[in-house]
Each structure stands twice: as structure tokens, then as C-alpha cells.
């Protein structure tokens, strides 16, 4: 039987399950962000201290798109791919007003 790692929690809303990101994510440097006119956003974050299972990057979003969700990733490429997908999906609900990268990214 699959056992969910302790640092991952889920929130169930009307038959949909969303990953609740751990506090560690919000104390880590932002790599890239996208802001939308309706006040929602998507963030790509590099974890200061990766998890033992290899999760090193997070994508955090507040868009209203049913196709978007938070996530933890082992590689920058996978996290970036998810970030791009969520920016595209979020743009369908509200126009993108700002998108930028920060100087916090150091690829290992």
C-alpha cells in the first residue's frame, strides 16, 4: 500500500484533492513568478533544504483553474514545465499582468 510522506498533506474539496505545501516551501527563495489581473499568481520556488526523497523545487499557485495545482518536484526541468503549464492555464481565466525571474536561482 502507498504511504504518503509526512511532509505532504492534501486538502479535499468537493471530490478534488489539492496538495497543501509544507511551511518549508514558503521560507525558500522564489525563482520565477507570474501575476494575473484578478489577483491570482503562480510561483516557482527552489527549496533551501531539499527533502530526503529528492524534492527540491515547488510550484505554488492561487489560480482558479481546475487544471492547476501545487506540486513538489525533484528537478528544475519538471518544475519549470509545470510552472509554464499553470501560467498558460491561468491566462485563460485572467490576463497576465506581470511575469519575471529573480536572481535567487542557482542551478545545481
C-alpha atoms as a PDB file:
ATOM      1  CA  UNK A   1       0.000   0.000   0.000  1.00  0.00           C
ATOM      2  CA  UNK A   2       1.243   3.505  -0.873  1.00  0.00           C
ATOM      3  CA  UNK A   3       2.041   5.633   2.156  1.00  0.00           C
ATOM      4  CA  UNK A   4       2.159   9.418   1.674  1.00  0.00           C
ATOM      5  CA  UNK A   5       5.328  11.082   3.032  1.00  0.00           C
ATOM      6  CA  UNK A   6       4.677  13.050   6.212  1.00  0.00           C
ATOM      7  CA  UNK A   7       5.611  16.405   4.675  1.00  0.00           C
ATOM      8  CA  UNK A   8       2.829  16.090   2.102  1.00  0.00           C
ATOM      9  CA  UNK A   9      -0.744  16.820   3.133  1.00  0.00           C
ATOM     10  CA  UNK A  10      -3.805  17.042   0.976  1.00  0.00           C
ATOM     11  CA  UNK A  11      -6.961  19.077   1.211  1.00  0.00           C
ATOM     12  CA  UNK A  12     -10.123  17.565  -0.229  1.00  0.00           C
ATOM     13  CA  UNK A  13     -12.630  19.993  -1.732  1.00  0.00           C
ATOM     14  CA  UNK A  14     -15.748  18.708  -3.493  1.00  0.00           C
ATOM     15  CA  UNK A  15     -14.164  15.446  -4.703  1.00  0.00           C
ATOM     16  CA  UNK A  16     -10.965  17.245  -5.817  1.00  0.00           C
ATOM     17  CA  UNK A  17      -7.741  16.868  -3.857  1.00  0.00           C
ATOM     18  CA  UNK A  18      -5.147  19.650  -3.636  1.00  0.00           C
ATOM     19  CA  UNK A  19      -1.624  19.324  -2.276  1.00  0.00           C
ATOM     20  CA  UNK A  20      -1.043  21.563   0.734  1.00  0.00           C
ATOM     21  CA  UNK A  21       2.572  22.665   0.556  1.00  0.00           C
ATOM     22  CA  UNK A  22       4.694  22.470   3.724  1.00  0.00           C
ATOM     23  CA  UNK A  23       5.934  25.628   5.514  1.00  0.00           C
ATOM     24  CA  UNK A  24       9.455  24.917   4.267  1.00  0.00           C
ATOM     25  CA  UNK A  25       8.358  25.990   0.780  1.00  0.00           C
ATOM     26  CA  UNK A  26       7.353  29.475   1.902  1.00  0.00           C
ATOM     27  CA  UNK A  27      10.721  30.115   3.556  1.00  0.00           C
ATOM     28  CA  UNK A  28      12.631  29.296   0.363  1.00  0.00           C
ATOM     29  CA  UNK A  29      13.775  31.590  -2.466  1.00  0.00           C
ATOM     30  CA  UNK A  30      11.473  32.487  -5.336  1.00  0.00           C
ATOM     31  CA  UNK A  31      12.866  31.695  -8.801  1.00  0.00           C
ATOM     32  CA  UNK A  32      10.087  32.943 -11.062  1.00  0.00           C
ATOM     33  CA  UNK A  33       6.591  34.366 -10.709  1.00  0.00           C
ATOM     34  CA  UNK A  34       3.549  35.253 -12.790  1.00  0.00           C
ATOM     35  CA  UNK A  35       0.805  37.634 -11.624  1.00  0.00           C
ATOM     36  CA  UNK A  36      -2.671  37.863 -13.137  1.00  0.00           C
ATOM     37  CA  UNK A  37      -5.134  40.782 -13.253  1.00  0.00           C
ATOM     38  CA  UNK A  38      -7.626  39.040 -10.926  1.00  0.00           C
ATOM     39  CA  UNK A  39      -5.010  38.918  -8.116  1.00  0.00           C
ATOM     40  CA  UNK A  40      -4.002  35.277  -8.535  1.00  0.00           C
ATOM     41  CA  UNK A  41      -0.426  34.148  -9.142  1.00  0.00           C
ATOM     42  CA  UNK A  42       1.909  31.217  -9.852  1.00  0.00           C
ATOM     43  CA  UNK A  43       5.317  30.911  -8.144  1.00  0.00           C
ATOM     44  CA  UNK A  44       8.300  28.657  -8.909  1.00  0.00           C
ATOM     45  CA  UNK A  45      10.360  28.100  -5.746  1.00  0.00           C
ATOM     46  CA  UNK A  46      13.719  26.417  -5.029  1.00  0.00           C
ATOM     47  CA  UNK A  47      13.755  24.698  -1.629  1.00  0.00           C
ATOM     48  CA  UNK A  48      16.615  25.780   0.645  1.00  0.00           C
ATOM     49  CA  UNK A  49      16.860  22.271   2.049  1.00  0.00           C
ATOM     50  CA  UNK A  50      15.612  19.541  -0.306  1.00  0.00           C
ATOM     51  CA  UNK A  51      13.722  16.582   1.102  1.00  0.00           C
ATOM     52  CA  UNK A  52      15.407  13.191   1.507  1.00  0.00           C
ATOM     53  CA  UNK A  53      13.291  11.844  -1.371  1.00  0.00           C
ATOM     54  CA  UNK A  54      14.879  14.410  -3.720  1.00  0.00           C
ATOM     55  CA  UNK A  55      12.092  17.010  -3.894  1.00  0.00           C
ATOM     56  CA  UNK A  56      13.992  20.275  -4.466  1.00  0.00           C
ATOM     57  CA  UNK A  57      11.510  22.586  -6.220  1.00  0.00           C
ATOM     58  CA  UNK A  58       7.925  23.662  -5.635  1.00  0.00           C
ATOM     59  CA  UNK A  59       5.232  25.303  -7.699  1.00  0.00           C
ATOM     60  CA  UNK A  60       2.650  27.271  -5.731  1.00  0.00           C
ATOM     61  CA  UNK A  61      -0.443  28.693  -7.378  1.00  0.00           C
ATOM     62  CA  UNK A  62      -3.611  30.537  -6.419  1.00  0.00           C
ATOM     63  CA  UNK A  63      -5.364  30.499  -9.799  1.00  0.00           C
ATOM     64  CA  UNK A  64      -8.951  29.397 -10.120  1.00  0.00           C
ATOM     65  CA  UNK A  65      -8.225  26.997 -12.962  1.00  0.00           C
ATOM     66  CA  UNK A  66      -9.339  23.422 -12.221  1.00  0.00           C
ATOM     67  CA  UNK A  67      -6.320  22.212 -14.206  1.00  0.00           C
ATOM     68  CA  UNK A  68      -3.793  23.865 -11.871  1.00  0.00           C
ATOM     69  CA  UNK A  69      -2.421  22.504  -8.616  1.00  0.00           C
ATOM     70  CA  UNK A  70       0.521  22.918  -6.252  1.00  0.00           C
ATOM     71  CA  UNK A  71       3.396  20.481  -6.570  1.00  0.00           C
ATOM     72  CA  UNK A  72       6.836  19.363  -5.402  1.00  0.00           C
ATOM     73  CA  UNK A  73       9.460  18.273  -7.940  1.00  0.00           C
ATOM     74  CA  UNK A  74      12.856  16.623  -7.947  1.00  0.00           C
ATOM     75  CA  UNK A  75      14.228  18.513 -10.961  1.00  0.00           C
ATOM     76  CA  UNK A  76      14.154  22.110 -12.132  1.00  0.00           C
ATOM     77  CA  UNK A  77      13.053  20.994 -15.614  1.00  0.00           C
ATOM     78  CA  UNK A  78       9.913  19.238 -14.309  1.00  0.00           C
ATOM     79  CA  UNK A  79       9.047  22.156 -12.020  1.00  0.00           C
ATOM     80  CA  UNK A  80       9.555  24.647 -14.844  1.00  0.00           C
ATOM     81  CA  UNK A  81       7.354  22.562 -17.146  1.00  0.00           C
ATOM     82  CA  UNK A  82       4.552  22.578 -14.546  1.00  0.00           C
ATOM     83  CA  UNK A  83       5.024  26.316 -13.955  1.00  0.00           C
ATOM     84  CA  UNK A  84       4.670  27.056 -17.684  1.00  0.00           C
ATOM     85  CA  UNK A  85       1.546  24.901 -17.921  1.00  0.00           C
ATOM     86  CA  UNK A  86      -0.079  26.648 -14.963  1.00  0.00           C
ATOM     87  CA  UNK A  87       0.769  30.104 -16.348  1.00  0.00           C
ATOM     88  CA  UNK A  88      -0.876  29.121 -19.651  1.00  0.00           C
ATOM     89  CA  UNK A  89      -3.956  27.747 -17.867  1.00  0.00           C
ATOM     90  CA  UNK A  90      -4.184  30.749 -15.528  1.00  0.00           C
ATOM     91  CA  UNK A  91      -4.024  33.103 -18.521  1.00  0.00           C
ATOM     92  CA  UNK A  92      -7.280  31.626 -19.791  1.00  0.00           C
ATOM     93  CA  UNK A  93      -9.139  32.922 -16.704  1.00  0.00           C
ATOM     94  CA  UNK A  94      -7.413  36.294 -16.328  1.00  0.00           C
ATOM     95  CA  UNK A  95      -4.847  38.295 -18.331  1.00  0.00           C
ATOM     96  CA  UNK A  96      -1.205  38.015 -17.272  1.00  0.00           C
ATOM     97  CA  UNK A  97      -0.042  41.407 -15.967  1.00  0.00           C
ATOM     98  CA  UNK A  98       3.499  40.617 -14.814  1.00  0.00           C
ATOM     99  CA  UNK A  99       5.971  37.782 -15.173  1.00  0.00           C
ATOM    100  CA  UNK A 100       9.583  37.840 -14.090  1.00  0.00           C
ATOM    101  CA  UNK A 101      12.516  35.849 -12.768  1.00  0.00           C
ATOM    102  CA  UNK A 102      14.511  36.665  -9.671  1.00  0.00           C
ATOM    103  CA  UNK A 103      18.223  36.373  -9.016  1.00  0.00           C
ATOM    104  CA  UNK A 104      17.619  33.590  -6.441  1.00  0.00           C
ATOM    105  CA  UNK A 105      18.133  30.731  -8.872  1.00  0.00           C
ATOM    106  CA  UNK A 106      21.350  28.732  -8.678  1.00  0.00           C
ATOM    107  CA  UNK A 107      21.172  25.530 -10.656  1.00  0.00           C
ATOM    108  CA  UNK A 108      22.994  22.648  -9.002  1.00  0.00           C
END
